[in-house]
Protein backbone atom coordinates (compact mmCIF):
# COMPACT_ATOMS: atom_id res chain seq x y z
CA UNK A 1 -20.35 -13.77 9.46
CA UNK A 2 -19.80 -14.43 5.74
CA UNK A 3 -19.21 -10.79 4.86
CA UNK A 4 -16.54 -10.40 7.55
CA UNK A 5 -14.80 -13.53 6.27
CA UNK A 6 -14.76 -12.08 2.76
CA UNK A 7 -13.25 -8.85 4.09
CA UNK A 8 -10.57 -10.85 5.90
CA UNK A 9 -9.79 -12.78 2.73
CA UNK A 10 -9.48 -9.56 0.73
CA UNK A 11 -7.10 -8.15 3.34
CA UNK A 12 -5.12 -11.40 3.25
CA UNK A 13 -4.90 -11.05 -0.55
CA UNK A 14 -3.61 -7.52 -0.15
CA UNK A 15 -0.94 -8.65 2.33
CA UNK A 16 0.19 -11.39 -0.04
CA UNK A 17 0.27 -9.01 -3.01
CA UNK A 18 2.04 -6.09 -1.32
CA UNK A 19 4.35 -8.23 0.76
CA UNK A 20 3.73 -6.44 4.07
CA UNK A 21 0.93 -5.70 6.50
CA UNK A 22 1.33 -1.91 6.58
CA UNK A 23 0.88 -1.48 2.82
CA UNK A 24 -2.01 -3.94 2.81
CA UNK A 25 -3.79 -1.97 5.52
CA UNK A 26 -3.23 1.36 3.74
CA UNK A 27 -4.77 -0.04 0.55
CA UNK A 28 -8.04 -0.42 2.50
CA UNK A 29 -7.62 2.70 4.61
CA UNK A 30 -6.86 0.55 7.65
CA UNK A 31 -3.96 0.13 10.03
CA UNK A 32 -1.17 -2.44 9.94
CA UNK A 33 -2.55 -4.16 13.02
CA UNK A 34 -6.01 -4.48 11.47
CA UNK A 35 -4.53 -6.27 8.47
CA UNK A 36 -2.55 -8.52 10.77
CA UNK A 37 -5.61 -9.39 12.83
CA UNK A 38 -7.56 -10.27 9.69
CA UNK A 39 -4.92 -12.83 8.68
CA UNK A 40 -4.77 -14.20 12.23
CA UNK A 41 -8.56 -14.67 12.26
CA UNK A 42 -8.36 -16.65 9.03
CA UNK A 43 -5.53 -18.82 10.34
CA UNK A 44 -7.48 -19.49 13.54
CA UNK A 45 -10.66 -20.25 11.61
CA UNK A 46 -9.02 -22.71 9.21
CA UNK A 47 -6.45 -24.06 11.65
CA UNK A 48 -3.53 -23.57 9.21
CA UNK A 49 -0.71 -21.11 8.72
CA UNK A 50 -1.31 -18.97 5.64
CA UNK A 51 1.83 -16.81 5.67
CA UNK A 52 5.48 -17.31 6.53
CA UNK A 53 6.50 -14.15 8.36
CA UNK A 54 10.00 -12.70 8.70
CA UNK A 55 11.16 -9.28 9.85
CA UNK A 56 11.53 -8.18 6.21
CA UNK A 57 8.82 -9.92 4.22
CA UNK A 58 5.98 -12.39 4.14
CA UNK A 59 5.44 -15.33 1.79
CA UNK A 60 2.58 -17.72 1.13
CA UNK A 61 2.53 -21.19 2.63
CA UNK A 62 1.04 -24.03 0.62
CA UNK A 63 -2.30 -23.47 2.35
CA UNK A 64 -1.94 -19.74 1.71
CA UNK A 65 -1.45 -20.40 -1.99
CA UNK A 66 -4.69 -22.38 -2.11
CA UNK A 67 -6.62 -19.63 -0.34
CA UNK A 68 -5.03 -16.98 -2.59
CA UNK A 69 -6.28 -18.84 -5.67
CA UNK A 70 -9.81 -18.88 -4.25
CA UNK A 71 -9.44 -15.23 -3.29
CA UNK A 72 -8.80 -14.38 -6.93
CA UNK A 73 -12.18 -15.92 -7.75
CA UNK A 74 -13.79 -13.68 -5.15
CA UNK A 75 -12.03 -10.60 -6.54
CA UNK A 76 -13.13 -11.51 -10.08
CA UNK A 77 -16.73 -11.90 -8.91
CA UNK A 78 -16.65 -8.50 -7.21
CA UNK A 79 -15.14 -6.90 -10.33
CA UNK A 80 -17.83 -8.56 -12.44
CA UNK A 81 -20.57 -7.20 -10.19
CA UNK A 82 -19.05 -3.71 -10.41
CA UNK A 83 -18.81 -3.96 -14.20
CA UNK A 84 -22.41 -5.13 -14.47
CA UNK A 85 -23.67 -2.20 -12.43
CA UNK A 86 -21.41 0.27 -14.24
CA UNK A 87 -22.68 -0.94 -17.59
CA UNK A 88 -26.27 -0.72 -16.45
CA UNK A 89 -25.80 2.82 -15.19
CA UNK A 90 -23.53 3.87 -18.01
CA UNK A 91 -21.52 6.13 -15.69
CA UNK A 92 -17.74 5.49 -15.72
CA UNK A 93 -16.34 4.67 -12.31
CA UNK A 94 -13.73 2.43 -10.73
CA UNK A 95 -10.08 1.98 -11.68
CA UNK A 96 -8.92 2.13 -15.29
CA UNK A 97 -5.56 0.39 -15.81
CA UNK A 98 -3.74 1.36 -19.01
CA UNK A 99 -0.42 0.31 -20.53
CA UNK A 100 1.19 2.25 -23.36
CA UNK A 101 4.60 2.74 -25.00
CA UNK A 102 6.78 5.13 -23.05
CA UNK A 103 7.31 7.86 -25.62
CA UNK A 104 4.05 7.82 -27.57
CA UNK A 105 2.11 7.00 -24.43
CA UNK A 106 3.17 10.23 -22.78
CA UNK A 107 2.10 12.16 -25.86
CA UNK A 108 -1.14 10.24 -26.44
CA UNK A 109 -2.34 9.40 -22.94
CA UNK A 110 -1.40 12.26 -20.65
CA UNK A 111 -3.06 15.07 -22.65
CA UNK A 112 -6.32 13.10 -22.61
CA UNK A 113 -6.13 12.14 -18.94
CA UNK A 114 -6.59 15.69 -17.66
CA UNK A 115 -9.80 16.32 -19.60
CA UNK A 116 -11.07 12.80 -18.96
CA UNK A 117 -10.63 13.21 -15.19
CA UNK A 118 -12.60 16.45 -15.26
CA UNK A 119 -15.45 14.74 -17.08
CA UNK A 120 -15.41 11.54 -15.02
CA UNK A 121 -14.00 12.26 -11.53
CA UNK A 122 -15.11 8.85 -10.19
CA UNK A 123 -12.57 7.07 -12.40
CA UNK A 124 -9.12 6.39 -10.97
CA UNK A 125 -6.37 5.81 -13.53
CA UNK A 126 -3.29 3.60 -13.22
CA UNK A 127 -0.93 3.97 -16.18
CA UNK A 128 2.16 1.94 -17.03
CA UNK A 129 4.46 3.57 -19.58
CA UNK A 130 6.66 0.84 -21.05
CA UNK A 131 7.78 -0.33 -24.49
CA UNK A 132 7.58 -3.91 -23.24
CA UNK A 133 4.55 -5.68 -24.69
CA UNK A 134 2.55 -6.65 -21.62
CA UNK A 135 0.21 -9.59 -21.31
CA UNK A 136 -2.86 -7.42 -21.13
CA UNK A 137 -5.35 -9.82 -19.56
CA UNK A 138 -2.85 -11.69 -17.40
CA UNK A 139 -1.35 -8.46 -16.04
CA UNK A 140 -4.75 -7.00 -15.24
CA UNK A 141 -4.85 -4.12 -17.74
CA UNK A 142 -8.15 -2.80 -19.07
CA UNK A 143 -6.64 -1.09 -22.08
CA UNK A 144 -3.37 -1.13 -24.00
CA UNK A 145 -2.08 1.31 -26.58
CA UNK A 146 0.33 -0.39 -28.95
CA UNK A 147 2.26 0.58 -32.08
CA UNK A 148 2.40 -1.78 -35.03
CA UNK A 149 0.20 -4.54 -33.56
CA UNK A 150 -2.24 -5.74 -36.21
CA UNK A 151 -2.95 -9.35 -35.20
CA UNK A 152 -3.56 -9.41 -31.44
CA UNK A 153 -4.51 -12.42 -29.38
CA UNK A 154 -7.96 -13.78 -30.17
CA UNK A 155 -9.16 -12.78 -26.70
CA UNK A 156 -8.55 -9.11 -27.51
CA UNK A 157 -10.35 -6.52 -29.58
CA UNK A 158 -8.20 -4.09 -31.55
CA UNK A 159 -9.29 -0.63 -32.61
CA UNK A 160 -7.08 1.39 -34.93
CA UNK A 161 -6.79 4.90 -33.54
CA UNK A 162 -4.61 6.23 -36.33
CA UNK A 163 -2.07 5.17 -38.94
CA UNK A 164 1.17 7.13 -38.59
CA UNK A 165 4.00 7.53 -41.08
CA UNK A 166 7.51 6.58 -40.07
CA UNK A 167 10.44 8.80 -41.02
CA UNK A 168 14.21 8.60 -41.09
CA UNK A 169 15.79 11.36 -39.05
CA UNK A 170 19.07 12.45 -37.51
CA UNK A 171 20.49 15.48 -35.76
CA UNK A 172 21.94 18.32 -37.88
CA UNK A 173 25.26 17.80 -36.08
CA UNK A 174 25.44 14.16 -37.18
CA UNK A 175 24.56 15.03 -40.78
CA UNK A 176 27.22 17.75 -40.81
CA UNK A 177 29.93 15.28 -39.82
CA UNK A 178 28.83 12.50 -42.21
CA UNK A 179 28.12 12.46 -45.92
CA UNK A 180 24.38 12.88 -46.44
CA UNK A 181 22.91 9.66 -47.94
CA UNK A 182 21.36 10.12 -51.38
CA UNK A 183 19.61 6.76 -51.59
CA UNK A 184 18.74 3.74 -49.47
CA UNK A 185 21.93 1.86 -50.40
CA UNK A 186 24.09 4.63 -48.94
CA UNK A 187 22.57 4.04 -45.49
CA UNK A 188 25.02 1.14 -45.22
CA UNK A 189 27.82 3.66 -44.51
CA UNK A 190 25.94 5.24 -41.60
CA UNK A 191 25.27 4.48 -37.96
CA UNK A 192 21.73 3.17 -37.73
CA UNK A 193 19.63 3.28 -34.56
CA UNK A 194 17.12 0.44 -34.49
CA UNK A 195 14.27 -0.61 -32.23
CA UNK A 196 14.63 -4.09 -30.80
CA UNK A 197 12.65 -5.81 -28.05
CA UNK A 198 12.81 -9.22 -26.47
CA UNK A 199 10.04 -10.34 -28.80
CA UNK A 200 11.43 -9.09 -32.11
CA UNK A 201 13.60 -6.64 -34.00
CA UNK A 202 12.16 -3.95 -36.20
CA UNK A 203 13.39 -4.35 -39.78
CA UNK A 204 13.64 -1.28 -41.96
CA UNK A 205 11.65 -1.81 -45.14
CA UNK A 206 12.27 1.24 -47.31
CA UNK A 207 11.42 2.08 -50.90
CA UNK A 208 13.30 4.51 -53.11
CA UNK A 209 11.12 6.31 -55.68
CA UNK A 210 10.62 4.03 -58.67
CA UNK A 211 11.94 0.89 -56.95
CA UNK A 212 10.59 -2.01 -54.95
CA UNK A 213 10.60 -1.96 -51.15
CA UNK A 214 13.44 -3.81 -49.49
CA UNK A 215 15.02 -4.33 -46.07
CA UNK A 216 18.01 -2.17 -45.24
CA UNK A 217 21.17 -4.16 -44.51
CA UNK A 218 23.28 -1.34 -43.09
CA UNK A 219 25.37 -1.29 -39.94
CA UNK A 220 23.21 -1.08 -36.82
CA UNK A 221 25.37 0.65 -34.23
CA UNK A 222 22.74 0.77 -31.48
CA UNK A 223 19.63 -1.24 -30.67
CA UNK A 224 17.21 -0.23 -27.91
CA UNK A 225 13.83 -1.38 -26.65
CA UNK A 226 12.64 2.19 -26.16
CA UNK A 227 11.44 4.54 -28.89
CA UNK A 228 12.08 7.46 -26.55
CA UNK A 229 15.63 6.17 -26.09
CA UNK A 230 16.14 6.04 -29.85
CA UNK A 231 14.82 9.58 -30.19
CA UNK A 232 17.25 10.74 -27.49
CA UNK A 233 20.12 8.94 -29.23
CA UNK A 234 19.25 10.62 -32.52
CA UNK A 235 19.09 14.02 -30.83
CA UNK A 236 22.53 13.33 -29.33
CA UNK A 237 23.99 12.79 -32.80
CA UNK A 238 24.52 9.07 -32.47
CA UNK A 239 23.05 8.09 -35.84
CA UNK A 240 19.96 7.81 -38.03
CA UNK A 241 16.71 6.55 -36.50
CA UNK A 242 13.43 5.35 -38.00
CA UNK A 243 10.62 6.69 -35.82
CA UNK A 244 6.89 7.46 -36.00
CA UNK A 245 6.17 10.98 -37.17
CA UNK A 246 4.01 11.62 -34.09
CA UNK A 247 7.08 11.15 -31.91
CA UNK A 248 9.41 13.54 -33.75
CA UNK A 249 7.14 16.20 -35.28
CA UNK A 250 8.11 18.82 -32.68
CA UNK A 251 11.82 18.04 -33.08
CA UNK A 252 11.61 18.36 -36.86
CA UNK A 253 9.73 21.66 -36.65
CA UNK A 254 12.23 23.03 -34.12
CA UNK A 255 15.23 21.92 -36.18
CA UNK A 256 16.53 19.56 -33.50
CA UNK A 257 16.19 16.72 -36.00
CA UNK A 258 16.30 16.68 -39.79
CA UNK A 259 14.60 14.34 -42.25
CA UNK A 260 16.89 11.88 -44.01
CA UNK A 261 15.88 10.68 -47.50
CA UNK A 262 12.54 12.52 -47.33
CA UNK A 263 11.46 11.13 -50.73
CA UNK A 264 11.84 7.53 -49.56
CA UNK A 265 8.73 5.65 -48.50
CA UNK A 266 9.49 4.44 -44.97
CA UNK A 267 6.14 2.78 -44.42
CA UNK A 268 3.42 3.30 -41.86
CA UNK A 269 2.58 1.95 -38.43
CA UNK A 270 -0.89 1.63 -36.93
CA UNK A 271 -1.47 2.89 -33.41
CA UNK A 272 -3.91 0.46 -31.83
CA UNK A 273 -6.12 0.32 -28.76
CA UNK A 274 -6.37 -3.22 -27.39
CA UNK A 275 -8.84 -4.36 -24.77
CA UNK A 276 -10.21 -7.70 -23.55
CA UNK A 277 -13.13 -9.22 -25.44
CA UNK A 278 -16.05 -8.87 -23.04
CA UNK A 279 -19.81 -9.08 -23.42
CA UNK A 280 -20.13 -5.68 -21.79
CA UNK A 281 -17.32 -3.19 -22.22
CA UNK A 282 -17.04 -1.13 -19.06
CA UNK A 283 -18.05 2.52 -19.53
CA UNK A 284 -14.68 3.74 -18.20
CA UNK A 285 -12.88 1.84 -20.99
CA UNK A 286 -15.27 2.83 -23.74
CA UNK A 287 -15.33 6.49 -22.71
CA UNK A 288 -11.54 6.69 -22.58
CA UNK A 289 -11.19 5.14 -26.04
CA UNK A 290 -13.78 7.62 -27.32
CA UNK A 291 -11.78 10.44 -25.74
CA UNK A 292 -8.62 9.29 -27.52
CA UNK A 293 -10.37 9.14 -30.87
CA UNK A 294 -12.24 12.40 -30.40
CA UNK A 295 -9.41 14.49 -29.03
CA UNK A 296 -6.41 13.28 -30.96
CA UNK A 297 -7.16 11.00 -33.89
CA UNK A 298 -9.40 10.43 -36.81
CA UNK A 299 -11.86 7.61 -36.14
CA UNK A 300 -10.49 4.18 -37.05
CA UNK A 301 -12.12 0.89 -37.91
CA UNK A 302 -12.45 -1.94 -35.43
CA UNK A 303 -10.48 -5.06 -36.24
CA UNK A 304 -13.15 -7.00 -34.36
CA UNK A 305 -16.63 -5.88 -33.40
CA UNK A 306 -17.38 -4.57 -29.92
């Protein structure tokens, strides 16, 4: 029957994605042998081998690759049907996949998740905390929280959740050992901790009172692709870091970090919610964005209309 063939194809897709029959079966609440039999039925039906099997792993044959591509179309159709029904009913359900920066994500996302789950228990959340800028659509995410992104891909909608100030900070121990800088130029004698990813480095554009903004050309002693890593390095007395205020507010209040050049304008960074441009935004995505805005931030303006 057609429905049983679709189920077999979905199980085959799970085997190919997870790399083993046991995990594929568990994903559907089935046994390893059930997943194996589903693949065998497909191979018998089409008269081709779909998977190369070894004792350690499985891999797609050429025929398996062709079926996998068609299986993705089936999965997309099922997801579209779910989204259509969710939108019609307006009740959030299904899986919400989110990617967010490691440090700010833990502070922004996790406090909201608990209350969101209580309100909408039918929503399952999968969260990736990483400072790497993911390909949102290609990697299957419904929502991304990003810092400093103002011109996203045309296929995405961007909503500004808040605009945060950035501040220069260092540990009291570091500032005790080194001469406290009195202006931007004196940063050149200090160890600077700078954010840098595969895509780009983060220049420091600072402005002393009464002067024009300019990029700092001091000695960068450490570059990292993690804002949380830079915060930890600053706490350990390794130098001066430029970080969003939201990330270091608690440290500044507790005296673990101190402001450096507090009168200098260090600029601002927008914290953005990005999501795919769709005719109907799934209720689970819309409700979670609303929860972020309501619980943590002042409402922002959409870069593109919903």
